[in-house]
Amino acid sequence: MADVWVVYNFLSYTVSKFLFMKNIFLLLAACFVFQQNISAQFFKKDVGLAHTFSIVARDPVTGEMAVGVQSHWFSVGTAVSWGEAGVGVVATQSFVNKSYGIKGLELMKNGKTALEALATLLAADEEREVRQVAMIDVNGNVNSFTGKNCIDYAGNIVGKNYSVQSNMMLTNKVNTAMAKAFEGSEGKPLAERVLITLHAAQVVGGDIRGKQSAAILVVAGKSTGQPWNERLIDLRVDDNQAPLVELDRLLRIYRAYEHMDKGDLATEKNDMKLAMEEYGSAMKMFPENLEMQYWTAITLANNKKVAEASKLLQKIYKKDANWRELTKRLPKVNLLTVSETELKELIK
């Protein structure tokens, strides 16, 4: 009888140990599957992290549409900002699904409103609750979505011709500050309004992790059939301790070069008074920019103002002699149309 009892205890112990190990194995397997699901959901190669604040907006006067964004994440503009002239713009963030950008634009291009396009994409996305997306179409229809599993503080505000959205913010004041800033900057160019809006977000705390990159994308309200010319502004700061400050500098440079382009156009129309006003405006914005000074001098020389051009060129050569060498090469490609005597005056 004792032997039977020993065998019984041994079998009971063995079965109990087996069941315990089985439960441990099942628990580990469940954890592994959960980890794999989380990895598949959040960290696939095409699904990055962009916890951030952004704005999509439209200028009802010019028809221009824009996306602006800042984040503590490298090169945020390459993931969040999407736009197409005559169609709309998209901001996709939080646990980013980049396909919302391309697919959203395609849906709007095929006749869906921003509301319909976003609803269609969300309905097909099993991980929608970790997404944050905003869209605006060419007609000013706006839609935005913040999934319930976005990291606090997270939310969005839809207004007339704009939507602001944010997640992982330091405070819950970011969206309200952005909306107020955008509405209060009416009358300014769209890109400047977007930048003002982003600055407002940072003032009240911004991203809880800090700041690293920022971007502004502006597209035309109407397509000309030349997509290579329809990204009116496309500026990105990929890694910087003060990305909005740098983005502001880049936007001002862009505006200065707009003056240069207008000066060139006036020159083509033989309106030298307007041309010099535009060139002057550009150089006033960035007086240390030798490029602007140089081509202003070349324009003067091509319009028989050689003495004036030479005076400006001498100042440029003192700062960088390579510009003198460039001047020598321009006649060959007809970018400088002066006589041999005049050329000697310009390169002395």
Protein backbone atom coordinates (compact mmCIF):
# COMPACT_ATOMS: atom_id res chain seq x y z
CA MET A 1 0.00 0.00 0.00
CA ALA A 2 2.88 2.31 0.86
CA ASP A 3 4.35 1.74 -2.59
CA VAL A 4 1.07 2.74 -4.22
CA TRP A 5 0.98 5.92 -2.13
CA VAL A 6 4.51 6.81 -3.19
CA VAL A 7 3.66 6.26 -6.85
CA TYR A 8 0.51 8.38 -6.43
CA ASN A 9 2.46 11.27 -4.86
CA PHE A 10 5.08 11.05 -7.58
CA LEU A 11 2.49 11.15 -10.36
CA SER A 12 0.62 14.03 -8.69
CA TYR A 13 3.84 16.02 -8.37
CA THR A 14 4.80 15.29 -11.97
CA VAL A 15 1.38 16.33 -13.32
CA SER A 16 1.35 19.49 -11.20
CA LYS A 17 4.83 20.43 -12.37
CA PHE A 18 3.83 19.78 -15.98
CA LEU A 19 0.73 21.95 -15.64
CA PHE A 20 2.79 24.71 -13.97
CA MET A 21 5.39 24.65 -16.75
CA LYS A 22 2.64 24.57 -19.35
CA ASN A 23 1.11 27.72 -17.84
CA ILE A 24 4.51 29.42 -17.78
CA PHE A 25 5.05 28.47 -21.41
CA LEU A 26 1.62 29.80 -22.40
CA LEU A 27 2.27 33.03 -20.52
CA LEU A 28 5.61 33.52 -22.23
CA ALA A 29 4.08 32.74 -25.59
CA ALA A 30 1.32 35.27 -24.98
CA CYS A 31 3.88 37.91 -24.02
CA PHE A 32 5.86 37.15 -27.15
CA VAL A 33 2.78 37.45 -29.35
CA PHE A 34 1.81 40.70 -27.62
CA GLN A 35 5.31 42.08 -28.14
CA GLN A 36 5.23 41.06 -31.78
CA ASN A 37 1.84 42.72 -32.24
CA ILE A 38 3.05 45.90 -30.60
CA SER A 39 6.17 45.87 -32.78
CA ALA A 40 4.10 45.27 -35.90
CA GLN A 41 1.67 47.97 -34.90
CA PHE A 42 4.08 50.72 -33.90
CA PHE A 43 7.56 50.02 -35.16
CA LYS A 44 7.29 48.67 -38.66
CA LYS A 45 9.69 50.27 -41.09
CA ASP A 46 6.84 52.22 -42.68
CA VAL A 47 5.25 53.18 -39.34
CA GLY A 48 7.46 55.62 -37.46
CA LEU A 49 7.07 57.78 -34.40
CA ALA A 50 6.16 61.44 -34.78
CA HIS A 51 4.71 62.65 -31.51
CA THR A 52 4.30 66.27 -32.34
CA PHE A 53 2.14 69.32 -32.94
CA SER A 54 1.02 70.46 -36.36
CA ILE A 55 -1.41 72.54 -38.39
CA VAL A 56 -3.08 72.07 -41.75
CA ALA A 57 -4.52 75.25 -43.21
CA ARG A 58 -5.86 76.98 -46.31
CA ASP A 59 -5.83 80.61 -47.43
CA PRO A 60 -9.30 81.29 -48.87
CA VAL A 61 -7.99 84.30 -50.82
CA THR A 62 -5.01 82.71 -52.60
CA GLY A 63 -6.21 79.11 -52.38
CA GLU A 64 -2.82 78.05 -51.00
CA MET A 65 -2.78 75.10 -48.60
CA ALA A 66 -0.14 74.35 -45.99
CA VAL A 67 1.15 71.93 -43.39
CA GLY A 68 3.38 73.05 -40.53
CA VAL A 69 4.93 70.78 -37.90
CA GLN A 70 7.49 70.62 -35.10
CA SER A 71 8.60 67.59 -33.09
CA HIS A 72 11.34 66.10 -30.95
CA TRP A 73 12.01 63.58 -33.70
CA PHE A 74 14.53 63.57 -36.51
CA SER A 75 13.36 64.90 -39.90
CA VAL A 76 9.69 65.13 -38.95
CA GLY A 77 8.76 66.83 -42.22
CA THR A 78 9.55 63.71 -44.24
CA ALA A 79 6.90 61.72 -42.36
CA VAL A 80 4.14 64.12 -41.34
CA SER A 81 3.72 66.63 -44.19
CA TRP A 82 1.97 65.76 -47.46
CA GLY A 83 0.38 67.98 -50.08
CA GLU A 84 -0.59 68.33 -53.72
CA ALA A 85 -1.58 71.46 -55.60
CA GLY A 86 -5.26 71.64 -56.47
CA VAL A 87 -6.00 68.71 -54.15
CA GLY A 88 -5.23 69.25 -50.46
CA VAL A 89 -2.79 68.67 -47.63
CA VAL A 90 -2.41 65.99 -44.96
CA ALA A 91 -0.65 65.80 -41.59
CA THR A 92 -0.22 62.25 -40.28
CA GLN A 93 1.43 61.83 -36.87
CA SER A 94 1.59 60.09 -33.48
CA PHE A 95 2.36 56.44 -34.42
CA VAL A 96 2.66 57.50 -38.03
CA ASN A 97 1.13 55.63 -40.91
CA LYS A 98 2.72 57.45 -43.85
CA SER A 99 0.27 55.91 -46.30
CA TYR A 100 -2.39 58.30 -44.98
CA GLY A 101 -0.52 61.03 -46.84
CA ILE A 102 -0.44 59.44 -50.29
CA LYS A 103 -3.77 57.64 -49.96
CA GLY A 104 -5.52 60.67 -48.50
CA LEU A 105 -4.39 62.88 -51.37
CA GLU A 106 -5.40 60.25 -53.89
CA LEU A 107 -8.89 59.97 -52.41
CA MET A 108 -9.34 63.75 -52.45
CA LYS A 109 -7.99 63.92 -55.99
CA ASN A 110 -10.65 61.42 -57.00
CA GLY A 111 -13.46 63.53 -55.59
CA LYS A 112 -13.67 62.66 -51.89
CA THR A 113 -13.88 65.53 -49.43
CA ALA A 114 -11.38 65.70 -46.59
CA LEU A 115 -14.08 64.34 -44.28
CA GLU A 116 -14.80 61.38 -46.55
CA ALA A 117 -11.16 60.64 -47.29
CA LEU A 118 -10.12 60.50 -43.64
CA ALA A 119 -13.17 58.44 -42.67
CA THR A 120 -12.36 55.92 -45.40
CA LEU A 121 -8.77 55.48 -44.26
CA LEU A 122 -9.65 55.21 -40.58
CA ALA A 123 -12.29 52.58 -41.27
CA ALA A 124 -9.66 50.37 -42.90
CA ASP A 125 -7.01 50.87 -40.20
CA GLU A 126 -7.07 48.40 -37.30
CA GLU A 127 -4.58 50.58 -35.41
CA ARG A 128 -6.58 53.79 -35.85
CA GLU A 129 -6.60 54.51 -32.12
CA VAL A 130 -2.88 55.32 -32.12
CA ARG A 131 -3.14 57.62 -35.12
CA GLN A 132 -3.51 61.37 -35.29
CA VAL A 133 -4.37 62.73 -38.73
CA ALA A 134 -5.68 65.97 -40.23
CA MET A 135 -6.70 66.80 -43.80
CA ILE A 136 -7.96 69.84 -45.66
CA ASP A 137 -9.10 69.78 -49.27
CA VAL A 138 -9.01 72.40 -52.01
CA ASN A 139 -12.54 73.55 -51.15
CA GLY A 140 -11.70 74.19 -47.51
CA ASN A 141 -13.34 71.08 -46.05
CA VAL A 142 -11.42 70.05 -42.93
CA ASN A 143 -11.30 66.87 -40.88
CA SER A 144 -9.03 65.64 -38.10
CA PHE A 145 -8.85 62.66 -35.78
CA THR A 146 -7.07 61.85 -32.54
CA GLY A 147 -7.07 58.18 -31.51
CA LYS A 148 -7.91 57.39 -27.90
CA ASN A 149 -4.51 55.72 -27.42
CA CYS A 150 -2.45 58.75 -28.46
CA ILE A 151 -0.18 59.85 -25.62
CA ASP A 152 -1.40 62.74 -23.46
CA TYR A 153 -1.74 65.58 -23.75
CA ALA A 154 -3.38 64.89 -27.09
CA GLY A 155 -6.23 66.42 -29.05
CA ASN A 156 -7.28 68.52 -32.01
CA ILE A 157 -9.31 71.63 -32.85
CA VAL A 158 -11.01 72.14 -36.21
CA GLY A 159 -11.70 75.71 -37.28
CA LYS A 160 -12.61 77.52 -40.46
CA ASN A 161 -9.97 76.62 -43.05
CA TYR A 162 -7.66 74.98 -40.52
CA SER A 163 -7.08 72.20 -38.03
CA VAL A 164 -4.50 72.08 -35.24
CA GLN A 165 -3.53 68.84 -33.54
CA SER A 166 -0.98 67.62 -31.04
CA ASN A 167 0.03 64.66 -28.93
CA MET A 168 2.58 63.99 -26.17
CA MET A 169 2.44 67.66 -25.17
CA LEU A 170 3.81 69.06 -21.93
CA THR A 171 0.55 70.90 -21.19
CA ASN A 172 -3.06 70.80 -22.35
CA LYS A 173 -2.86 74.40 -23.65
CA VAL A 174 -1.15 73.71 -26.98
CA ASN A 175 -4.15 73.29 -29.29
CA THR A 176 -5.97 76.33 -27.90
CA ALA A 177 -2.84 78.45 -28.26
CA MET A 178 -2.34 77.34 -31.86
CA ALA A 179 -5.95 77.97 -32.83
CA LYS A 180 -5.86 81.44 -31.29
CA ALA A 181 -2.57 82.29 -33.01
CA PHE A 182 -3.77 81.18 -36.43
CA GLU A 183 -7.07 83.02 -36.20
CA GLY A 184 -5.33 86.13 -34.88
CA SER A 185 -2.82 86.29 -37.75
CA GLU A 186 -5.37 86.71 -40.54
CA GLY A 187 -4.09 88.89 -43.38
CA LYS A 188 -0.52 87.62 -43.30
CA PRO A 189 0.85 85.18 -45.91
CA LEU A 190 -0.14 81.58 -45.16
CA ALA A 191 3.41 80.33 -44.47
CA GLU A 192 3.97 83.11 -41.94
CA ARG A 193 0.64 82.32 -40.26
CA VAL A 194 1.63 78.67 -39.97
CA LEU A 195 4.98 79.59 -38.42
CA ILE A 196 3.29 81.95 -35.95
CA THR A 197 0.98 79.10 -35.01
CA LEU A 198 3.88 76.72 -34.37
CA HIS A 199 5.66 79.30 -32.23
CA ALA A 200 2.50 79.68 -30.15
CA ALA A 201 2.51 75.95 -29.41
CA GLN A 202 6.09 76.06 -28.24
CA VAL A 203 5.45 79.04 -25.97
CA VAL A 204 2.95 77.03 -23.89
CA GLY A 205 5.21 74.00 -23.58
CA GLY A 206 5.19 72.12 -26.88
CA ASP A 207 6.45 68.54 -27.06
CA ILE A 208 7.16 67.14 -23.58
CA ARG A 209 10.50 65.77 -24.86
CA GLY A 210 11.71 69.07 -26.30
CA LYS A 211 12.36 70.06 -29.90
CA GLN A 212 14.48 68.75 -32.76
CA SER A 213 12.95 69.24 -36.22
CA ALA A 214 10.31 71.26 -38.03
CA ALA A 215 8.87 71.79 -41.50
CA ILE A 216 6.54 73.93 -43.59
CA LEU A 217 4.98 72.80 -46.86
CA VAL A 218 2.82 75.12 -48.98
CA VAL A 219 1.15 74.04 -52.24
CA ALA A 220 -0.84 76.00 -54.79
CA GLY A 221 -4.62 76.06 -54.75
CA LYS A 222 -4.78 75.27 -58.46
CA SER A 223 -2.70 72.83 -60.43
CA THR A 224 -0.99 74.05 -63.58
CA GLY A 225 -0.12 70.53 -64.68
CA GLN A 226 3.49 71.22 -63.67
CA PRO A 227 3.88 69.50 -60.29
CA TRP A 228 7.57 70.39 -60.19
CA ASN A 229 6.53 74.05 -59.80
CA GLU A 230 3.57 73.57 -57.47
CA ARG A 231 5.33 73.14 -54.14
CA LEU A 232 5.47 76.85 -53.46
CA ILE A 233 7.37 76.48 -50.19
CA ASP A 234 9.04 73.31 -48.96
CA LEU A 235 11.32 74.04 -46.01
CA ARG A 236 12.63 71.52 -43.49
CA VAL A 237 14.90 71.67 -40.47
CA ASP A 238 15.86 68.07 -39.78
CA ASP A 239 18.03 68.38 -36.66
CA ASN A 240 18.43 71.58 -34.69
CA GLN A 241 18.26 72.71 -31.06
CA ALA A 242 15.90 75.52 -32.07
CA PRO A 243 14.13 74.26 -35.20
CA LEU A 244 11.45 76.96 -35.33
CA VAL A 245 14.05 79.71 -35.09
CA GLU A 246 15.94 78.13 -37.97
CA LEU A 247 12.73 77.60 -39.93
CA ASP A 248 11.93 81.28 -39.48
CA ARG A 249 15.37 82.18 -40.86
CA LEU A 250 14.87 79.91 -43.88
CA LEU A 251 11.46 81.41 -44.59
CA ARG A 252 12.93 84.91 -44.52
CA ILE A 253 15.65 83.80 -46.95
CA TYR A 254 12.95 82.37 -49.18
CA ARG A 255 11.12 85.72 -49.14
CA ALA A 256 14.36 87.52 -49.97
CA TYR A 257 14.92 85.30 -52.99
CA GLU A 258 11.34 86.02 -54.04
CA HIS A 259 12.44 89.65 -54.32
CA MET A 260 15.42 88.53 -56.40
CA ASP A 261 13.11 86.60 -58.75
CA LYS A 262 10.84 89.63 -59.09
CA GLY A 263 13.90 91.72 -59.86
CA ASP A 264 14.92 89.32 -62.61
CA LEU A 265 11.42 89.47 -64.07
CA ALA A 266 11.46 93.26 -64.02
CA THR A 267 14.84 93.19 -65.76
CA GLU A 268 13.41 91.00 -68.51
CA LYS A 269 10.72 93.65 -68.99
CA ASN A 270 13.37 96.37 -69.04
CA ASP A 271 11.95 97.96 -65.88
CA MET A 272 15.27 98.69 -64.20
CA LYS A 273 13.74 100.95 -61.56
CA LEU A 274 11.52 98.15 -60.28
CA ALA A 275 14.33 95.62 -60.68
CA MET A 276 16.70 97.60 -58.46
CA GLU A 277 13.94 98.13 -55.88
CA GLU A 278 13.39 94.38 -55.69
CA TYR A 279 17.11 93.60 -55.53
CA GLY A 280 17.50 96.24 -52.89
CA SER A 281 14.72 94.73 -50.80
CA ALA A 282 16.40 91.33 -50.97
CA MET A 283 19.81 92.66 -49.96
CA LYS A 284 18.28 94.68 -47.14
CA MET A 285 16.85 91.48 -45.68
CA PHE A 286 20.23 89.69 -45.88
CA PRO A 287 23.00 92.27 -46.29
CA GLU A 288 25.76 89.67 -45.82
CA ASN A 289 24.50 87.42 -48.63
CA LEU A 290 27.12 87.73 -51.39
CA GLU A 291 25.01 85.78 -53.88
CA MET A 292 22.31 88.45 -53.91
CA GLN A 293 24.87 91.25 -54.20
CA TYR A 294 26.71 89.48 -56.99
CA TRP A 295 23.78 88.91 -59.33
CA THR A 296 22.55 92.41 -58.68
CA ALA A 297 25.94 93.66 -59.90
CA ILE A 298 25.82 91.43 -62.97
CA THR A 299 22.36 92.74 -63.81
CA LEU A 300 23.67 96.29 -63.53
CA ALA A 301 26.57 95.47 -65.86
CA ASN A 302 24.27 93.88 -68.43
CA ASN A 303 22.23 97.09 -68.40
CA LYS A 304 25.21 99.35 -69.17
CA LYS A 305 25.75 100.42 -65.57
CA VAL A 306 29.31 99.07 -65.53
CA ALA A 307 30.80 101.62 -63.13
CA GLU A 308 28.08 100.95 -60.56
CA ALA A 309 28.45 97.19 -61.05
CA SER A 310 32.22 97.33 -60.70
CA LYS A 311 31.98 99.21 -57.42
CA LEU A 312 29.69 96.54 -55.98
CA LEU A 313 31.83 93.70 -57.35
CA GLN A 314 35.00 95.04 -55.76
CA LYS A 315 33.38 94.78 -52.32
CA ILE A 316 32.35 91.21 -53.08
CA TYR A 317 35.81 90.19 -54.31
CA LYS A 318 37.43 91.45 -51.11
CA LYS A 319 35.28 89.01 -49.13
CA ASP A 320 35.64 86.08 -51.54
CA ALA A 321 37.93 86.17 -54.58
CA ASN A 322 36.19 83.19 -56.18
CA TRP A 323 33.44 85.52 -57.39
CA ARG A 324 36.00 87.28 -59.62
CA GLU A 325 36.79 83.95 -61.29
CA LEU A 326 33.08 83.33 -61.82
CA THR A 327 32.74 86.73 -63.51
CA LYS A 328 35.39 85.73 -66.03
CA ARG A 329 33.37 82.64 -66.99
CA LEU A 330 29.98 84.31 -67.53
CA PRO A 331 30.56 85.84 -71.01
CA LYS A 332 31.12 82.35 -72.47
CA VAL A 333 27.53 81.36 -71.60
CA ASN A 334 26.05 84.81 -72.37
CA LEU A 335 25.18 85.59 -68.76
CA LEU A 336 27.41 88.66 -68.96
CA THR A 337 27.13 90.65 -72.18
CA VAL A 338 29.83 93.32 -72.00
CA SER A 339 32.79 94.36 -74.13
CA GLU A 340 36.35 93.23 -73.42
CA THR A 341 37.13 96.65 -71.99
CA GLU A 342 34.11 96.56 -69.73
CA LEU A 343 34.97 93.02 -68.58
CA LYS A 344 38.44 94.17 -67.55
CA GLU A 345 36.79 96.89 -65.49
CA LEU A 346 34.51 94.34 -63.83
CA ILE A 347 37.28 91.88 -62.87
CA LYS A 348 40.02 94.30 -61.86
